[in-house]
Amino acid sequence: IQDGDTLAASGFGMMGVAHPLHRVLLERFQKTGRPGNLTYIHAAGHYQESGLELLAPHGIVSRVIGGHWGVMPELRRIIS
């Protein structure tokens, strides 16, 4: 995954979300500052402990296309 890429995820809440991918993305970003400026497409929210909410406060994702924002307070704060 490179700067500016688009990611798409399925799942709802804690089910069907690529938790290992999100953790690896965060670890890589913390070590290298990359990837950044990602677009993230999702069908439903991901809880704070994982998923998009895990990446939101770090500036990894710059654009989100999705629905069901109720379980993502950090992301809602950033985009409002």
N, C-alpha and C. Protein backbone atom coordinates (compact mmCIF):
# COMPACT_ATOMS: atom_id res chain seq x y z
N ILE A 1 0.86 -1.17 0.00
CA ILE A 1 0.00 0.00 0.00
C ILE A 1 0.90 1.22 0.00
N GLN A 2 0.65 2.10 -0.97
CA GLN A 2 1.48 3.28 -1.16
C GLN A 2 0.71 4.55 -0.84
N ASP A 3 1.41 5.67 -0.70
CA ASP A 3 0.76 6.96 -0.50
C ASP A 3 -0.28 7.19 -1.59
N GLY A 4 -1.45 7.69 -1.19
CA GLY A 4 -2.49 8.04 -2.15
C GLY A 4 -3.35 6.89 -2.62
N ASP A 5 -3.10 5.67 -2.16
CA ASP A 5 -3.90 4.51 -2.57
C ASP A 5 -5.31 4.58 -2.00
N THR A 6 -6.19 3.78 -2.58
CA THR A 6 -7.56 3.64 -2.10
C THR A 6 -7.74 2.23 -1.55
N LEU A 7 -8.29 2.14 -0.34
CA LEU A 7 -8.57 0.86 0.29
C LEU A 7 -10.08 0.71 0.43
N ALA A 8 -10.56 -0.50 0.31
CA ALA A 8 -11.98 -0.79 0.53
C ALA A 8 -12.08 -1.90 1.55
N ALA A 9 -13.01 -1.77 2.48
CA ALA A 9 -13.17 -2.77 3.53
C ALA A 9 -14.62 -3.14 3.70
N SER A 10 -14.84 -4.38 4.03
CA SER A 10 -16.18 -4.82 4.38
C SER A 10 -16.23 -4.95 5.89
N GLY A 11 -17.28 -5.51 6.38
CA GLY A 11 -17.39 -5.73 7.81
C GLY A 11 -18.30 -4.71 8.45
N PHE A 12 -18.66 -5.01 9.68
CA PHE A 12 -19.54 -4.13 10.45
C PHE A 12 -19.14 -4.27 11.91
N GLY A 13 -18.82 -3.15 12.53
CA GLY A 13 -18.39 -3.21 13.91
C GLY A 13 -17.08 -3.96 14.00
N MET A 14 -17.08 -5.06 14.71
CA MET A 14 -15.86 -5.85 14.88
C MET A 14 -15.82 -7.07 13.96
N MET A 15 -16.86 -7.29 13.18
CA MET A 15 -16.92 -8.49 12.35
C MET A 15 -16.50 -8.20 10.92
N GLY A 16 -15.65 -9.05 10.38
CA GLY A 16 -15.27 -8.95 8.98
C GLY A 16 -14.33 -7.82 8.64
N VAL A 17 -13.73 -7.20 9.64
CA VAL A 17 -12.80 -6.10 9.41
C VAL A 17 -11.38 -6.65 9.38
N ALA A 18 -10.55 -6.13 8.52
CA ALA A 18 -9.17 -6.61 8.37
C ALA A 18 -8.28 -6.04 9.48
N HIS A 19 -8.52 -6.50 10.70
CA HIS A 19 -7.78 -5.98 11.86
C HIS A 19 -6.26 -6.05 11.70
N PRO A 20 -5.70 -7.19 11.26
CA PRO A 20 -4.24 -7.24 11.09
C PRO A 20 -3.71 -6.20 10.09
N LEU A 21 -4.44 -5.97 9.03
CA LEU A 21 -4.01 -4.97 8.04
C LEU A 21 -3.94 -3.58 8.67
N HIS A 22 -4.95 -3.22 9.44
CA HIS A 22 -4.96 -1.89 10.06
C HIS A 22 -3.81 -1.74 11.06
N ARG A 23 -3.54 -2.78 11.83
CA ARG A 23 -2.43 -2.70 12.78
C ARG A 23 -1.09 -2.56 12.06
N VAL A 24 -0.91 -3.31 10.97
CA VAL A 24 0.34 -3.23 10.21
C VAL A 24 0.50 -1.86 9.55
N LEU A 25 -0.59 -1.33 9.03
CA LEU A 25 -0.54 0.02 8.44
C LEU A 25 -0.12 1.05 9.48
N LEU A 26 -0.70 0.97 10.66
CA LEU A 26 -0.35 1.91 11.72
C LEU A 26 1.11 1.76 12.14
N GLU A 27 1.56 0.53 12.33
CA GLU A 27 2.96 0.31 12.71
C GLU A 27 3.91 0.85 11.65
N ARG A 28 3.60 0.59 10.39
CA ARG A 28 4.46 1.08 9.31
C ARG A 28 4.47 2.60 9.28
N PHE A 29 3.31 3.21 9.45
CA PHE A 29 3.23 4.67 9.45
C PHE A 29 4.03 5.27 10.61
N GLN A 30 3.93 4.64 11.77
CA GLN A 30 4.67 5.16 12.93
C GLN A 30 6.18 5.05 12.74
N LYS A 31 6.65 4.06 11.98
CA LYS A 31 8.08 3.89 11.74
C LYS A 31 8.60 4.74 10.59
N THR A 32 7.77 4.89 9.53
CA THR A 32 8.26 5.51 8.29
C THR A 32 7.54 6.78 7.87
N GLY A 33 6.37 7.05 8.48
CA GLY A 33 5.57 8.19 8.04
C GLY A 33 4.77 7.90 6.78
N ARG A 34 4.72 6.66 6.39
CA ARG A 34 3.99 6.22 5.20
C ARG A 34 3.25 4.93 5.46
N PRO A 35 2.21 4.63 4.79
CA PRO A 35 1.56 5.39 3.73
C PRO A 35 0.70 6.50 4.32
N GLY A 36 0.45 7.49 3.52
CA GLY A 36 -0.40 8.60 3.91
C GLY A 36 -1.32 8.98 2.77
N ASN A 37 -2.22 9.91 3.05
CA ASN A 37 -3.14 10.42 2.04
C ASN A 37 -3.98 9.30 1.42
N LEU A 38 -4.39 8.33 2.24
CA LEU A 38 -5.18 7.21 1.74
C LEU A 38 -6.66 7.58 1.65
N THR A 39 -7.34 7.00 0.70
CA THR A 39 -8.80 7.05 0.62
C THR A 39 -9.30 5.71 1.11
N TYR A 40 -10.30 5.74 1.97
CA TYR A 40 -10.81 4.51 2.59
C TYR A 40 -12.30 4.41 2.33
N ILE A 41 -12.72 3.32 1.73
CA ILE A 41 -14.13 3.07 1.43
C ILE A 41 -14.62 1.97 2.36
N HIS A 42 -15.73 2.24 3.06
CA HIS A 42 -16.26 1.22 3.97
C HIS A 42 -17.78 1.23 3.94
N ALA A 43 -18.33 0.09 4.25
CA ALA A 43 -19.79 -0.03 4.28
C ALA A 43 -20.36 0.34 5.64
N ALA A 44 -19.61 0.08 6.68
CA ALA A 44 -20.08 0.33 8.03
C ALA A 44 -18.91 0.64 8.95
N GLY A 45 -19.20 1.26 10.06
CA GLY A 45 -18.18 1.71 10.99
C GLY A 45 -17.37 0.60 11.62
N HIS A 46 -16.17 0.97 12.04
CA HIS A 46 -15.25 0.05 12.72
C HIS A 46 -14.98 0.64 14.10
N TYR A 47 -15.06 -0.18 15.11
CA TYR A 47 -14.88 0.31 16.47
C TYR A 47 -13.50 0.87 16.73
N GLN A 48 -13.42 1.66 17.78
CA GLN A 48 -12.21 2.39 18.12
C GLN A 48 -10.97 1.52 18.27
N GLU A 49 -11.13 0.31 18.73
CA GLU A 49 -9.97 -0.54 18.97
C GLU A 49 -9.31 -1.04 17.69
N SER A 50 -9.98 -0.88 16.57
CA SER A 50 -9.45 -1.45 15.34
C SER A 50 -10.01 -0.71 14.15
N GLY A 51 -9.68 -1.18 12.99
CA GLY A 51 -10.26 -0.62 11.78
C GLY A 51 -9.88 0.82 11.52
N LEU A 52 -10.73 1.47 10.81
CA LEU A 52 -10.48 2.85 10.41
C LEU A 52 -10.32 3.78 11.60
N GLU A 53 -11.05 3.53 12.65
CA GLU A 53 -10.96 4.38 13.85
C GLU A 53 -9.56 4.32 14.45
N LEU A 54 -8.87 3.21 14.30
CA LEU A 54 -7.49 3.08 14.77
C LEU A 54 -6.55 3.99 13.98
N LEU A 55 -6.82 4.15 12.69
CA LEU A 55 -5.95 4.94 11.81
C LEU A 55 -6.28 6.42 11.82
N ALA A 56 -7.50 6.78 12.15
CA ALA A 56 -7.99 8.15 12.02
C ALA A 56 -7.11 9.21 12.68
N PRO A 57 -6.73 9.07 13.94
CA PRO A 57 -6.02 10.18 14.58
C PRO A 57 -4.58 10.38 14.11
N HIS A 58 -4.08 9.50 13.27
CA HIS A 58 -2.69 9.57 12.86
C HIS A 58 -2.48 10.28 11.51
N GLY A 59 -3.55 10.62 10.83
CA GLY A 59 -3.42 11.31 9.56
C GLY A 59 -3.11 10.40 8.39
N ILE A 60 -3.28 9.12 8.56
CA ILE A 60 -3.01 8.17 7.49
C ILE A 60 -4.07 8.29 6.40
N VAL A 61 -5.31 8.46 6.82
CA VAL A 61 -6.44 8.53 5.89
C VAL A 61 -6.85 9.98 5.71
N SER A 62 -6.95 10.42 4.46
CA SER A 62 -7.35 11.80 4.19
C SER A 62 -8.76 11.92 3.62
N ARG A 63 -9.32 10.80 3.16
CA ARG A 63 -10.65 10.83 2.56
C ARG A 63 -11.35 9.52 2.89
N VAL A 64 -12.62 9.63 3.27
CA VAL A 64 -13.41 8.45 3.61
C VAL A 64 -14.73 8.50 2.86
N ILE A 65 -15.08 7.38 2.25
CA ILE A 65 -16.38 7.22 1.59
C ILE A 65 -17.04 6.06 2.31
N GLY A 66 -18.16 6.31 2.97
CA GLY A 66 -18.77 5.22 3.71
C GLY A 66 -20.03 5.61 4.44
N GLY A 67 -20.50 4.67 5.21
CA GLY A 67 -21.72 4.88 5.97
C GLY A 67 -21.56 4.39 7.39
N HIS A 68 -22.55 4.66 8.20
CA HIS A 68 -22.62 4.26 9.60
C HIS A 68 -21.41 4.76 10.37
N TRP A 69 -21.48 5.99 10.79
CA TRP A 69 -20.37 6.66 11.48
C TRP A 69 -20.52 6.63 13.00
N GLY A 70 -21.59 6.02 13.50
CA GLY A 70 -21.91 6.07 14.92
C GLY A 70 -20.85 5.52 15.85
N VAL A 71 -20.09 4.54 15.42
CA VAL A 71 -19.10 3.91 16.30
C VAL A 71 -17.69 4.46 16.08
N MET A 72 -17.57 5.58 15.39
CA MET A 72 -16.24 6.13 15.10
C MET A 72 -16.15 7.59 15.56
N PRO A 73 -16.09 7.84 16.86
CA PRO A 73 -16.08 9.22 17.36
C PRO A 73 -14.84 10.02 16.92
N GLU A 74 -13.69 9.39 16.87
CA GLU A 74 -12.47 10.12 16.47
C GLU A 74 -12.56 10.55 15.01
N LEU A 75 -13.03 9.67 14.16
CA LEU A 75 -13.16 10.02 12.76
C LEU A 75 -14.20 11.12 12.57
N ARG A 76 -15.31 11.04 13.28
CA ARG A 76 -16.34 12.08 13.19
C ARG A 76 -15.76 13.41 13.62
N ARG A 77 -14.93 13.43 14.65
CA ARG A 77 -14.33 14.67 15.13
C ARG A 77 -13.41 15.27 14.07
N ILE A 78 -12.65 14.43 13.41
CA ILE A 78 -11.71 14.89 12.40
C ILE A 78 -12.42 15.46 11.18
N ILE A 79 -13.49 14.81 10.75
CA ILE A 79 -14.14 15.24 9.51
C ILE A 79 -15.17 16.33 9.70
N SER A 80 -15.52 16.65 10.93
CA SER A 80 -16.54 17.68 11.13
C SER A 80 -15.97 19.07 11.14
